């Protein structure tokens, strides 16, 4: 049987390659940092890293690493169990309490990833008599989580408040018992920020709850780094916040749902990814506590990230590149053609700048791009070198 399947799979893979949509995985031989060593392919050796979610540069921060070493000695390597059996340690409860306080929510529940967190919310809270109203550009984990539920599904155009209201009216007219609006706080392929204040206003008008996946915001967006609800002044109006420990908050893995107390209590009893997945490794929980210490003690990393972002965006705009507007550390350089985006990424790697070309199905057809992600770990010289490399790569591509 598999001989037939193998031929079909090979044909599909050939189609992906011929369309310029193949996504190679480059191997790095160093810790995640502002510079990494690429092993084989393109330009082996040390290169500037402008494609990681390491926004605050904490993935290899010495204090975070030290906290992880200490946690290994104290708490061990792994729990080998789920939370309700024998998988809960003091460090897990401490991190949940700290996240709740940091995000201004009543309680928090930890997951193995934010993908799991988003996969565990909708099925638990919503039934066939309920409605979920989702932004069209929400992350794949939200889309998959919604599919697991029996709720009626409504979709509104990205950040389009008029369309959101239309969908809320339809859900209300359909007699939905519960209505949940869900949006990314920051849309990962564009760097656009959701209009949360206006979304909360509509939620109040139509008696809906609000859920935000703030994975690309918590740690560095908002005056205290508490994410898009803080940025928009609606921390007390958002009912559910999901997020990750795998980006700005240390870059390892793990996710969470921070929400109203009753929501978290029900998730502990009914959320399948929580009940049937091993507990977050204690070393990650302990290191995440150190990350929160660093975030709450100073804002120097957030300031440096903002400066690097402003410099890159301004220089690239002056050089004539098409960058989606905004001030987020995600700075998408729009290319359009998938093959051209991939080729430019290769030319940049040859010039010592590690970036990735994104194409369909990650982004819509014809909107391929290179998503540059700035970090507080980058120096001013690093940012200027990256811009110069873009200019040189564009010239070679055009020649």
Protein backbone atom coordinates (compact mmCIF):
# COMPACT_ATOMS: atom_id res chain seq x y z
CA UNK A 1 0.00 0.00 0.00
CA UNK A 2 2.69 2.50 0.94
CA UNK A 3 4.35 2.22 -2.48
CA UNK A 4 1.34 4.00 -3.98
CA UNK A 5 1.25 6.52 -1.14
CA UNK A 6 4.97 7.14 -1.52
CA UNK A 7 4.55 8.14 -5.17
CA UNK A 8 1.75 10.55 -4.24
CA UNK A 9 3.80 12.10 -1.46
CA UNK A 10 6.84 12.51 -3.70
CA UNK A 11 4.69 14.19 -6.36
CA UNK A 12 3.36 16.61 -3.75
CA UNK A 13 6.87 17.40 -2.52
CA UNK A 14 8.02 17.99 -6.09
CA UNK A 15 5.13 20.43 -6.59
CA UNK A 16 6.13 22.29 -3.45
CA UNK A 17 9.73 22.61 -4.65
CA UNK A 18 8.82 23.63 -8.19
CA UNK A 19 6.52 26.35 -6.86
CA UNK A 20 9.36 27.77 -4.77
CA UNK A 21 7.48 26.96 -1.57
CA UNK A 22 9.92 24.45 -0.07
CA UNK A 23 11.02 25.39 3.44
CA UNK A 24 14.51 24.08 4.22
CA UNK A 25 15.60 23.78 7.84
CA UNK A 26 18.99 25.28 8.49
CA UNK A 27 21.03 23.80 11.31
CA UNK A 28 22.73 26.03 13.87
CA UNK A 29 25.55 24.85 16.08
CA UNK A 30 25.39 27.47 18.83
CA UNK A 31 22.92 28.72 21.44
CA UNK A 32 20.14 30.98 20.21
CA UNK A 33 21.51 34.53 20.21
CA UNK A 34 21.98 37.70 18.16
CA UNK A 35 24.63 35.78 16.25
CA UNK A 36 24.54 32.05 15.50
CA UNK A 37 26.74 29.59 13.66
CA UNK A 38 25.10 27.99 10.64
CA UNK A 39 26.30 24.48 9.88
CA UNK A 40 26.40 23.72 6.15
CA UNK A 41 24.37 25.23 3.34
CA UNK A 42 24.72 28.73 1.90
CA UNK A 43 27.30 30.33 4.14
CA UNK A 44 28.60 28.15 6.98
CA UNK A 45 29.95 30.08 9.94
CA UNK A 46 28.81 32.86 12.24
CA UNK A 47 25.96 35.04 10.98
CA UNK A 48 23.70 37.74 12.35
CA UNK A 49 20.38 36.25 13.43
CA UNK A 50 17.36 38.32 12.42
CA UNK A 51 14.66 35.66 12.32
CA UNK A 52 14.24 34.42 15.91
CA UNK A 53 11.45 35.28 18.35
CA UNK A 54 14.19 36.16 20.86
CA UNK A 55 12.85 39.70 21.21
CA UNK A 56 14.53 40.58 24.50
CA UNK A 57 17.67 38.53 23.95
CA UNK A 58 16.93 36.32 26.97
CA UNK A 59 17.41 32.93 25.31
CA UNK A 60 21.07 32.88 26.34
CA UNK A 61 20.97 35.46 29.15
CA UNK A 62 23.45 34.41 31.87
CA UNK A 63 21.00 34.93 34.75
CA UNK A 64 18.34 32.85 33.00
CA UNK A 65 20.85 30.07 32.31
CA UNK A 66 22.02 30.17 35.93
CA UNK A 67 18.44 29.86 37.16
CA UNK A 68 17.94 26.88 34.84
CA UNK A 69 21.07 25.14 36.19
CA UNK A 70 19.91 25.69 39.76
CA UNK A 71 16.46 24.34 38.90
CA UNK A 72 17.92 21.15 37.43
CA UNK A 73 19.69 20.47 40.70
CA UNK A 74 16.66 21.27 42.85
CA UNK A 75 13.66 20.07 40.82
CA UNK A 76 15.13 17.50 38.42
CA UNK A 77 14.84 17.13 34.66
CA UNK A 78 11.20 16.25 34.04
CA UNK A 79 7.96 15.30 35.78
CA UNK A 80 7.04 12.15 33.81
CA UNK A 81 3.42 12.85 34.62
CA UNK A 82 0.46 15.11 34.05
CA UNK A 83 -0.54 17.75 36.56
CA UNK A 84 -3.44 16.06 38.35
CA UNK A 85 -1.60 12.77 38.91
CA UNK A 86 1.82 13.65 40.32
CA UNK A 87 3.05 16.40 38.03
CA UNK A 88 2.63 19.57 40.07
CA UNK A 89 5.55 21.11 41.92
CA UNK A 90 5.80 24.32 43.91
CA UNK A 91 7.65 25.94 41.03
CA UNK A 92 4.65 25.42 38.73
CA UNK A 93 2.25 27.04 41.18
CA UNK A 94 4.67 29.90 41.77
CA UNK A 95 4.97 30.61 38.05
CA UNK A 96 1.19 30.53 37.59
CA UNK A 97 0.78 33.04 40.41
CA UNK A 98 3.50 35.31 39.02
CA UNK A 99 2.04 35.26 35.53
CA UNK A 100 -1.41 36.07 36.90
CA UNK A 101 -0.06 39.09 38.76
CA UNK A 102 2.07 40.23 35.81
CA UNK A 103 -0.82 40.00 33.34
CA UNK A 104 -3.48 41.35 35.68
CA UNK A 105 -5.60 38.19 35.59
CA UNK A 106 -7.18 36.17 38.39
CA UNK A 107 -5.50 32.85 37.66
CA UNK A 108 -3.20 31.10 35.18
CA UNK A 109 -2.83 27.54 33.95
CA UNK A 110 0.36 26.25 32.30
CA UNK A 111 0.52 24.17 29.10
CA UNK A 112 3.28 22.45 27.16
CA UNK A 113 2.93 25.12 24.46
CA UNK A 114 0.69 27.99 23.46
CA UNK A 115 -0.51 25.78 20.61
CA UNK A 116 -1.83 23.42 23.29
CA UNK A 117 -3.23 26.31 25.29
CA UNK A 118 -5.24 27.53 22.30
CA UNK A 119 -6.22 23.96 21.53
CA UNK A 120 -7.65 23.50 25.01
CA UNK A 121 -9.81 26.61 25.43
CA UNK A 122 -12.62 26.52 22.88
CA UNK A 123 -13.75 22.92 23.28
CA UNK A 124 -13.86 23.37 27.05
CA UNK A 125 -15.78 26.64 27.16
CA UNK A 126 -18.04 26.52 24.11
CA UNK A 127 -20.72 24.11 22.95
CA UNK A 128 -23.00 23.82 19.94
CA UNK A 129 -25.26 26.56 21.31
CA UNK A 130 -22.35 29.06 21.46
CA UNK A 131 -20.49 31.21 18.92
CA UNK A 132 -16.84 32.10 18.39
CA UNK A 133 -15.98 35.17 16.32
CA UNK A 134 -12.39 34.98 15.05
CA UNK A 135 -10.11 37.38 13.18
CA UNK A 136 -9.33 36.10 9.69
CA UNK A 137 -5.57 36.26 10.28
CA UNK A 138 -5.47 34.54 13.66
CA UNK A 139 -2.70 32.05 14.33
CA UNK A 140 -3.07 28.47 13.15
CA UNK A 141 -3.34 27.24 16.74
CA UNK A 142 -6.48 29.35 17.24
CA UNK A 143 -7.97 28.07 14.00
CA UNK A 144 -7.27 24.46 14.98
CA UNK A 145 -8.58 25.02 18.51
CA UNK A 146 -11.84 26.41 17.16
CA UNK A 147 -12.20 23.38 14.88
CA UNK A 148 -12.12 21.13 17.93
CA UNK A 149 -15.19 22.82 19.39
CA UNK A 150 -18.81 22.46 18.30
CA UNK A 151 -19.44 26.18 18.49
CA UNK A 152 -20.79 28.12 15.52
CA UNK A 153 -17.92 29.84 13.74
CA UNK A 154 -17.86 33.41 12.50
CA UNK A 155 -14.88 35.10 10.89
CA UNK A 156 -14.24 38.82 10.46
CA UNK A 157 -11.73 40.56 8.19
CA UNK A 158 -8.43 41.38 9.83
CA UNK A 159 -8.88 44.18 12.40
CA UNK A 160 -12.10 45.24 10.63
CA UNK A 161 -14.39 46.50 13.39
CA UNK A 162 -17.38 47.00 11.11
CA UNK A 163 -17.15 43.39 9.96
CA UNK A 164 -16.69 42.24 13.55
CA UNK A 165 -19.91 44.02 14.52
CA UNK A 166 -21.72 42.40 11.59
CA UNK A 167 -20.62 38.96 12.77
CA UNK A 168 -21.62 39.75 16.36
CA UNK A 169 -25.08 40.80 15.19
CA UNK A 170 -25.46 37.56 13.25
CA UNK A 171 -24.31 35.46 16.20
CA UNK A 172 -26.72 37.32 18.49
CA UNK A 173 -29.62 36.96 16.04
CA UNK A 174 -28.86 33.24 15.87
CA UNK A 175 -29.50 32.94 19.60
CA UNK A 176 -25.94 32.17 20.70
CA UNK A 177 -25.79 31.44 24.42
CA UNK A 178 -22.17 32.52 24.77
CA UNK A 179 -20.17 34.65 22.36
CA UNK A 180 -16.36 34.72 22.36
CA UNK A 181 -14.32 37.17 20.26
CA UNK A 182 -10.79 35.89 19.69
CA UNK A 183 -7.85 37.75 18.17
CA UNK A 184 -4.10 37.75 18.06
CA UNK A 185 -2.71 40.67 20.03
CA UNK A 186 0.00 41.06 17.39
CA UNK A 187 -0.35 39.31 14.03
CA UNK A 188 2.87 37.40 13.56
CA UNK A 189 3.27 37.72 9.80
CA UNK A 190 2.46 41.44 9.63
CA UNK A 191 3.44 42.97 12.97
CA UNK A 192 0.03 44.64 13.13
CA UNK A 193 -1.56 45.21 16.55
CA UNK A 194 -5.21 44.38 17.20
CA UNK A 195 -7.49 47.34 18.15
CA UNK A 196 -8.34 45.89 21.55
CA UNK A 197 -10.08 48.93 23.05
CA UNK A 198 -12.60 49.01 20.22
CA UNK A 199 -12.97 45.22 20.31
CA UNK A 200 -13.76 45.40 24.02
CA UNK A 201 -16.32 48.14 23.35
CA UNK A 202 -18.09 45.88 20.85
CA UNK A 203 -17.87 42.97 23.28
CA UNK A 204 -19.62 45.05 25.93
CA UNK A 205 -22.32 46.11 23.46
CA UNK A 206 -23.07 42.55 22.36
CA UNK A 207 -22.42 40.77 25.66
CA UNK A 208 -19.39 38.83 24.42
CA UNK A 209 -16.18 37.66 26.03
CA UNK A 210 -12.76 38.63 24.66
CA UNK A 211 -9.77 36.32 24.20
CA UNK A 212 -6.32 37.49 23.08
CA UNK A 213 -3.35 35.37 22.01
CA UNK A 214 -0.53 37.73 23.02
CA UNK A 215 2.43 35.52 22.15
CA UNK A 216 4.19 38.23 20.11
CA UNK A 217 3.66 40.98 22.68
CA UNK A 218 4.04 39.84 26.29
CA UNK A 219 7.42 40.90 27.63
CA UNK A 220 8.00 43.97 25.49
CA UNK A 221 4.74 45.58 24.28
CA UNK A 222 3.08 48.06 26.62
CA UNK A 223 4.66 50.37 29.22
CA UNK A 224 5.48 47.46 31.53
CA UNK A 225 5.82 44.76 28.89
CA UNK A 226 2.46 43.24 29.82
CA UNK A 227 1.29 43.06 26.23
CA UNK A 228 -1.42 44.52 24.05
CA UNK A 229 -4.11 44.73 26.78
CA UNK A 230 -1.76 46.99 28.74
CA UNK A 231 -0.87 48.95 25.60
CA UNK A 232 -4.57 49.70 24.98
CA UNK A 233 -5.55 50.13 28.64
CA UNK A 234 -7.94 47.17 28.71
CA UNK A 235 -6.22 44.73 31.07
CA UNK A 236 -9.39 44.55 33.19
CA UNK A 237 -11.66 44.03 30.15
CA UNK A 238 -9.98 41.04 28.48
CA UNK A 239 -11.35 37.74 29.78
CA UNK A 240 -8.73 35.30 28.45
CA UNK A 241 -5.07 35.81 27.55
CA UNK A 242 -3.05 33.00 26.01
CA UNK A 243 0.65 33.21 25.43
CA UNK A 244 3.97 31.46 25.21
CA UNK A 245 7.14 31.17 27.25
CA UNK A 246 8.94 30.38 23.98
CA UNK A 247 9.42 33.88 22.57
CA UNK A 248 10.26 37.02 24.57
CA UNK A 249 9.92 35.20 27.90
CA UNK A 250 13.11 33.18 27.58
CA UNK A 251 12.56 31.38 24.28
CA UNK A 252 12.36 27.78 25.53
CA UNK A 253 8.85 26.32 25.31
CA UNK A 254 5.62 26.23 27.25
CA UNK A 255 2.41 28.22 27.17
CA UNK A 256 -0.34 29.47 29.44
CA UNK A 257 -3.90 30.67 29.74
CA UNK A 258 -4.37 33.61 32.09
CA UNK A 259 -8.04 34.34 32.67
CA UNK A 260 -10.96 34.76 35.01
CA UNK A 261 -10.72 32.34 37.94
CA UNK A 262 -13.72 30.26 36.92
CA UNK A 263 -12.40 29.82 33.38
CA UNK A 264 -9.05 28.53 34.63
CA UNK A 265 -10.77 26.27 37.17
CA UNK A 266 -12.84 24.63 34.41
CA UNK A 267 -9.79 24.27 32.16
CA UNK A 268 -8.03 22.32 34.93
CA UNK A 269 -10.95 19.88 34.95
CA UNK A 270 -11.83 19.61 31.26
CA UNK A 271 -9.04 20.88 28.99
CA UNK A 272 -7.71 17.86 27.13
CA UNK A 273 -4.19 19.15 26.27
CA UNK A 274 -3.74 19.96 29.96
CA UNK A 275 -5.14 16.69 31.29
CA UNK A 276 -3.33 14.42 28.85
CA UNK A 277 0.07 16.11 28.33
CA UNK A 278 3.11 15.96 30.56
CA UNK A 279 3.75 18.87 32.85
CA UNK A 280 5.94 21.74 31.73
CA UNK A 281 9.55 20.86 32.61
CA UNK A 282 10.43 22.41 35.98
CA UNK A 283 13.64 23.89 34.60
CA UNK A 284 11.56 26.00 32.18
CA UNK A 285 9.20 27.09 34.94
CA UNK A 286 12.09 28.19 37.16
CA UNK A 287 13.90 30.00 34.36
CA UNK A 288 10.66 31.77 33.46
CA UNK A 289 10.43 33.10 37.01
CA UNK A 290 13.87 34.64 36.56
CA UNK A 291 12.70 36.18 33.28
CA UNK A 292 9.82 37.85 35.11
CA UNK A 293 12.28 39.15 37.70
CA UNK A 294 14.32 40.75 34.94
CA UNK A 295 11.27 42.27 33.25
CA UNK A 296 9.90 43.76 36.45
CA UNK A 297 13.21 45.17 37.69
CA UNK A 298 14.14 47.30 34.65
CA UNK A 299 12.97 48.32 31.18
CA UNK A 300 16.41 48.58 29.53
CA UNK A 301 15.80 45.57 27.28
CA UNK A 302 12.47 46.95 26.06
CA UNK A 303 14.08 50.34 25.37
CA UNK A 304 16.94 48.78 23.41
CA UNK A 305 14.52 46.66 21.36
CA UNK A 306 12.44 49.74 20.51
CA UNK A 307 15.56 51.63 19.41
CA UNK A 308 16.75 48.78 17.20
CA UNK A 309 13.30 48.44 15.67
CA UNK A 310 13.03 52.15 14.89
CA UNK A 311 16.51 52.20 13.32
CA UNK A 312 15.86 49.20 11.08
CA UNK A 313 12.44 50.37 9.94
CA UNK A 314 13.61 53.92 9.19
CA UNK A 315 16.74 52.89 7.28
CA UNK A 316 14.92 50.25 5.24
CA UNK A 317 12.15 52.70 4.37
CA UNK A 318 14.69 55.31 3.31
CA UNK A 319 16.35 52.67 1.12
CA UNK A 320 13.05 52.10 -0.69
CA UNK A 321 12.03 48.72 0.71
CA UNK A 322 8.35 47.92 1.16
CA UNK A 323 7.91 47.34 4.89
CA UNK A 324 4.47 46.97 6.40
CA UNK A 325 3.81 50.02 8.61
CA UNK A 326 4.03 49.95 12.39
CA UNK A 327 6.51 50.03 15.22
CA UNK A 328 6.58 46.37 16.24
CA UNK A 329 9.80 44.34 16.26
CA UNK A 330 8.31 42.18 13.51
CA UNK A 331 9.30 44.10 10.36
CA UNK A 332 8.02 42.29 7.24
CA UNK A 333 9.97 43.17 4.10
CA UNK A 334 7.45 42.54 1.31
CA UNK A 335 8.77 40.75 -1.78
CA UNK A 336 5.65 39.29 -3.42
CA UNK A 337 7.04 36.37 -5.39
CA UNK A 338 7.84 33.26 -3.32
CA UNK A 339 10.90 32.23 -5.33
CA UNK A 340 12.32 35.74 -5.19
CA UNK A 341 11.84 35.88 -1.42
CA UNK A 342 13.66 32.60 -1.03
CA UNK A 343 16.49 33.73 -3.29
CA UNK A 344 16.90 36.99 -1.40
CA UNK A 345 17.11 35.08 1.88
CA UNK A 346 19.90 32.96 0.37
CA UNK A 347 21.79 36.07 -0.80
CA UNK A 348 21.44 37.62 2.64
CA UNK A 349 22.82 34.47 4.28
CA UNK A 350 25.83 34.68 1.95
CA UNK A 351 26.34 38.20 3.32
CA UNK A 352 26.17 37.02 6.92
CA UNK A 353 22.52 37.80 7.71
CA UNK A 354 20.25 34.90 8.64
CA UNK A 355 16.60 35.52 7.68
CA UNK A 356 13.80 33.39 6.26
CA UNK A 357 11.54 33.92 3.27
CA UNK A 358 7.89 33.27 4.11
CA UNK A 359 5.49 32.14 1.41
CA UNK A 360 2.21 30.29 0.96
CA UNK A 361 0.62 28.65 2.92
CA UNK A 362 2.16 30.60 5.82
CA UNK A 363 1.16 33.85 4.10
CA UNK A 364 -1.33 34.45 1.23
CA UNK A 365 -0.36 33.71 -2.37
CA UNK A 366 1.54 36.60 -3.93
CA UNK A 367 2.46 38.14 -0.59
CA UNK A 368 5.77 36.42 0.10
CA UNK A 369 8.05 38.31 2.42
CA UNK A 370 11.14 38.21 4.58
CA UNK A 371 10.01 38.63 8.16
CA UNK A 372 12.81 40.42 9.99
CA UNK A 373 12.62 40.20 13.77
CA UNK A 374 14.65 42.60 15.85
CA UNK A 375 16.11 41.75 19.25
CA UNK A 376 17.43 43.69 22.20
CA UNK A 377 20.55 41.57 21.81
CA UNK A 378 21.38 43.26 18.49
CA UNK A 379 23.81 46.17 18.52
CA UNK A 380 23.41 49.30 16.41
CA UNK A 381 26.21 47.95 14.22
CA UNK A 382 24.30 44.68 13.77
CA UNK A 383 21.21 46.52 12.57
CA UNK A 384 23.16 48.69 10.14
CA UNK A 385 24.98 45.63 8.76
CA UNK A 386 21.64 43.95 8.15
CA UNK A 387 20.27 46.94 6.22
CA UNK A 388 23.45 47.18 4.14
CA UNK A 389 23.15 43.47 3.34
CA UNK A 390 19.55 43.93 2.18
CA UNK A 391 20.61 46.73 -0.14
CA UNK A 392 23.45 44.64 -1.62
CA UNK A 393 21.25 41.54 -2.00
CA UNK A 394 18.55 43.54 -3.78
CA UNK A 395 21.12 44.90 -6.21
CA UNK A 396 22.41 41.42 -7.03
CA UNK A 397 18.90 40.07 -7.39
CA UNK A 398 18.02 42.85 -9.83
CA UNK A 399 21.25 42.48 -11.79
